[in-house]
Amino acid sequence: MKTIIVYDSYFGNTEQVAREVGKALAETEVFRVGKIRPEQLIGVERLIVGSPTRAFKATKAIYRFLDEIPYGGLQGVMVASFDTRISTADVN
């Protein structure tokens, strides 16, 4: 199953998760957001998007990437997402 993982990362944690998930799945390519174009999604069967949580949201780059996907461009594609964040208990 052709899979693409797109991620953004500030401190490397989200990238690490994306690459480990990519290793666990067959036929997977991993791209940092900004290094992939929507037309590269043609023929993909599964899309996974990962982002660090910044101000309770995904990064602006991830939103831009998702906004560039044409309406209906993910028809029939399985989609999943994940985030990485620091626990509020760990914030000083």
C-alpha atoms as a PDB file:
ATOM      1  CA  MET A   1       0.000   0.000   0.000  1.00  0.00           C
ATOM      2  CA  LYS A   2       1.610   3.246  -1.143  1.00  0.00           C
ATOM      3  CA  THR A   3       1.905   5.563   1.857  1.00  0.00           C
ATOM      4  CA  ILE A   4       3.190   9.109   2.220  1.00  0.00           C
ATOM      5  CA  ILE A   5       3.997  10.662   5.573  1.00  0.00           C
ATOM      6  CA  VAL A   6       4.232  14.455   5.699  1.00  0.00           C
ATOM      7  CA  TYR A   7       5.530  16.103   8.860  1.00  0.00           C
ATOM      8  CA  ASP A   8       6.696  19.390  10.295  1.00  0.00           C
ATOM      9  CA  SER A   9       9.083  19.514  13.230  1.00  0.00           C
ATOM     10  CA  TYR A  10      10.630  22.196  15.428  1.00  0.00           C
ATOM     11  CA  PHE A  11      12.871  20.205  17.759  1.00  0.00           C
ATOM     12  CA  GLY A  12      13.102  16.913  15.861  1.00  0.00           C
ATOM     13  CA  ASN A  13      10.579  14.896  17.861  1.00  0.00           C
ATOM     14  CA  THR A  14       7.857  14.881  15.210  1.00  0.00           C
ATOM     15  CA  GLU A  15      10.413  14.019  12.535  1.00  0.00           C
ATOM     16  CA  GLN A  16      11.632  11.096  14.623  1.00  0.00           C
ATOM     17  CA  VAL A  17       8.086   9.762  15.049  1.00  0.00           C
ATOM     18  CA  ALA A  18       7.363  10.201  11.325  1.00  0.00           C
ATOM     19  CA  ARG A  19      10.510   8.312  10.313  1.00  0.00           C
ATOM     20  CA  GLU A  20       9.846   5.459  12.763  1.00  0.00           C
ATOM     21  CA  VAL A  21       6.272   5.075  11.500  1.00  0.00           C
ATOM     22  CA  GLY A  22       7.673   5.098   7.967  1.00  0.00           C
ATOM     23  CA  LYS A  23      10.070   2.263   8.840  1.00  0.00           C
ATOM     24  CA  ALA A  24       7.177   0.195  10.179  1.00  0.00           C
ATOM     25  CA  LEU A  25       5.078   0.501   7.017  1.00  0.00           C
ATOM     26  CA  ALA A  26       5.874  -0.934   3.587  1.00  0.00           C
ATOM     27  CA  GLU A  27       6.008   1.289   0.491  1.00  0.00           C
ATOM     28  CA  THR A  28       6.323   4.486   2.516  1.00  0.00           C
ATOM     29  CA  GLU A  29       7.943   7.791   1.678  1.00  0.00           C
ATOM     30  CA  VAL A  30       8.510  10.418   4.377  1.00  0.00           C
ATOM     31  CA  PHE A  31       8.611  14.130   3.508  1.00  0.00           C
ATOM     32  CA  ARG A  32       9.140  17.257   5.537  1.00  0.00           C
ATOM     33  CA  VAL A  33       6.339  19.686   4.746  1.00  0.00           C
ATOM     34  CA  GLY A  34       7.556  22.134   2.107  1.00  0.00           C
ATOM     35  CA  LYS A  35       9.477  19.346   0.333  1.00  0.00           C
ATOM     36  CA  ILE A  36       6.358  17.773  -1.154  1.00  0.00           C
ATOM     37  CA  ARG A  37       3.840  19.033  -3.674  1.00  0.00           C
ATOM     38  CA  PRO A  38       0.169  18.017  -3.812  1.00  0.00           C
ATOM     39  CA  GLU A  39       0.670  16.324  -7.203  1.00  0.00           C
ATOM     40  CA  GLN A  40       2.993  13.827  -5.475  1.00  0.00           C
ATOM     41  CA  LEU A  41      -0.100  12.487  -3.719  1.00  0.00           C
ATOM     42  CA  ILE A  42      -1.446  11.060  -6.995  1.00  0.00           C
ATOM     43  CA  GLY A  43      -1.767   7.307  -6.576  1.00  0.00           C
ATOM     44  CA  VAL A  44      -1.182   7.346  -2.828  1.00  0.00           C
ATOM     45  CA  GLU A  45      -3.415   5.005  -0.843  1.00  0.00           C
ATOM     46  CA  ARG A  46      -2.612   6.258   2.650  1.00  0.00           C
ATOM     47  CA  LEU A  47      -1.587   9.751   3.842  1.00  0.00           C
ATOM     48  CA  ILE A  48      -0.287  10.378   7.347  1.00  0.00           C
ATOM     49  CA  VAL A  49       0.326  13.944   8.529  1.00  0.00           C
ATOM     50  CA  GLY A  50       2.274  14.794  11.679  1.00  0.00           C
ATOM     51  CA  SER A  51       2.825  18.117  13.388  1.00  0.00           C
ATOM     52  CA  PRO A  52       4.022  19.445  16.680  1.00  0.00           C
ATOM     53  CA  THR A  53       1.272  21.185  18.588  1.00  0.00           C
ATOM     54  CA  ARG A  54       1.927  24.921  18.562  1.00  0.00           C
ATOM     55  CA  ALA A  55      -0.572  27.138  20.414  1.00  0.00           C
ATOM     56  CA  PHE A  56      -3.015  24.184  20.491  1.00  0.00           C
ATOM     57  CA  LYS A  57      -2.872  23.751  16.679  1.00  0.00           C
ATOM     58  CA  ALA A  58      -0.813  22.185  13.919  1.00  0.00           C
ATOM     59  CA  THR A  59       1.877  24.374  12.380  1.00  0.00           C
ATOM     60  CA  LYS A  60       1.048  26.949   9.730  1.00  0.00           C
ATOM     61  CA  ALA A  61       3.127  24.978   7.213  1.00  0.00           C
ATOM     62  CA  ILE A  62       0.953  21.904   7.723  1.00  0.00           C
ATOM     63  CA  TYR A  63      -2.202  23.985   7.250  1.00  0.00           C
ATOM     64  CA  ARG A  64      -0.763  25.454   4.012  1.00  0.00           C
ATOM     65  CA  PHE A  65       0.050  21.961   2.727  1.00  0.00           C
ATOM     66  CA  LEU A  66      -3.459  20.696   3.479  1.00  0.00           C
ATOM     67  CA  ASP A  67      -5.037  23.793   1.912  1.00  0.00           C
ATOM     68  CA  GLU A  68      -3.116  23.126  -1.335  1.00  0.00           C
ATOM     69  CA  ILE A  69      -4.723  19.715  -1.789  1.00  0.00           C
ATOM     70  CA  PRO A  70      -7.530  20.164  -4.313  1.00  0.00           C
ATOM     71  CA  TYR A  71     -11.089  19.503  -3.226  1.00  0.00           C
ATOM     72  CA  GLY A  72     -11.701  15.781  -3.650  1.00  0.00           C
ATOM     73  CA  GLY A  73      -7.957  15.168  -3.976  1.00  0.00           C
ATOM     74  CA  LEU A  74      -8.011  12.629  -1.174  1.00  0.00           C
ATOM     75  CA  GLN A  75     -11.070  10.720  -2.374  1.00  0.00           C
ATOM     76  CA  GLY A  76     -10.510   7.044  -1.542  1.00  0.00           C
ATOM     77  CA  VAL A  77      -7.305   7.770   0.401  1.00  0.00           C
ATOM     78  CA  MET A  78      -6.985   6.583   3.984  1.00  0.00           C
ATOM     79  CA  VAL A  79      -5.860   9.531   6.115  1.00  0.00           C
ATOM     80  CA  ALA A  80      -4.411   9.665   9.618  1.00  0.00           C
ATOM     81  CA  SER A  81      -2.691  12.323  11.684  1.00  0.00           C
ATOM     82  CA  PHE A  82      -0.570  12.565  14.795  1.00  0.00           C
ATOM     83  CA  ASP A  83       0.903  15.296  16.937  1.00  0.00           C
ATOM     84  CA  THR A  84       3.739  15.673  19.368  1.00  0.00           C
ATOM     85  CA  ARG A  85       3.608  18.001  22.322  1.00  0.00           C
ATOM     86  CA  ILE A  86       5.033  18.655  25.715  1.00  0.00           C
ATOM     87  CA  SER A  87       2.946  17.957  28.766  1.00  0.00           C
ATOM     88  CA  THR A  88       1.633  21.102  30.435  1.00  0.00           C
ATOM     89  CA  ALA A  89       2.994  19.658  33.688  1.00  0.00           C
ATOM     90  CA  ASP A  90       6.502  19.962  32.199  1.00  0.00           C
ATOM     91  CA  VAL A  91       6.151  23.649  31.352  1.00  0.00           C
ATOM     92  CA  ASN A  92       7.703  26.007  33.882  1.00  0.00           C
END
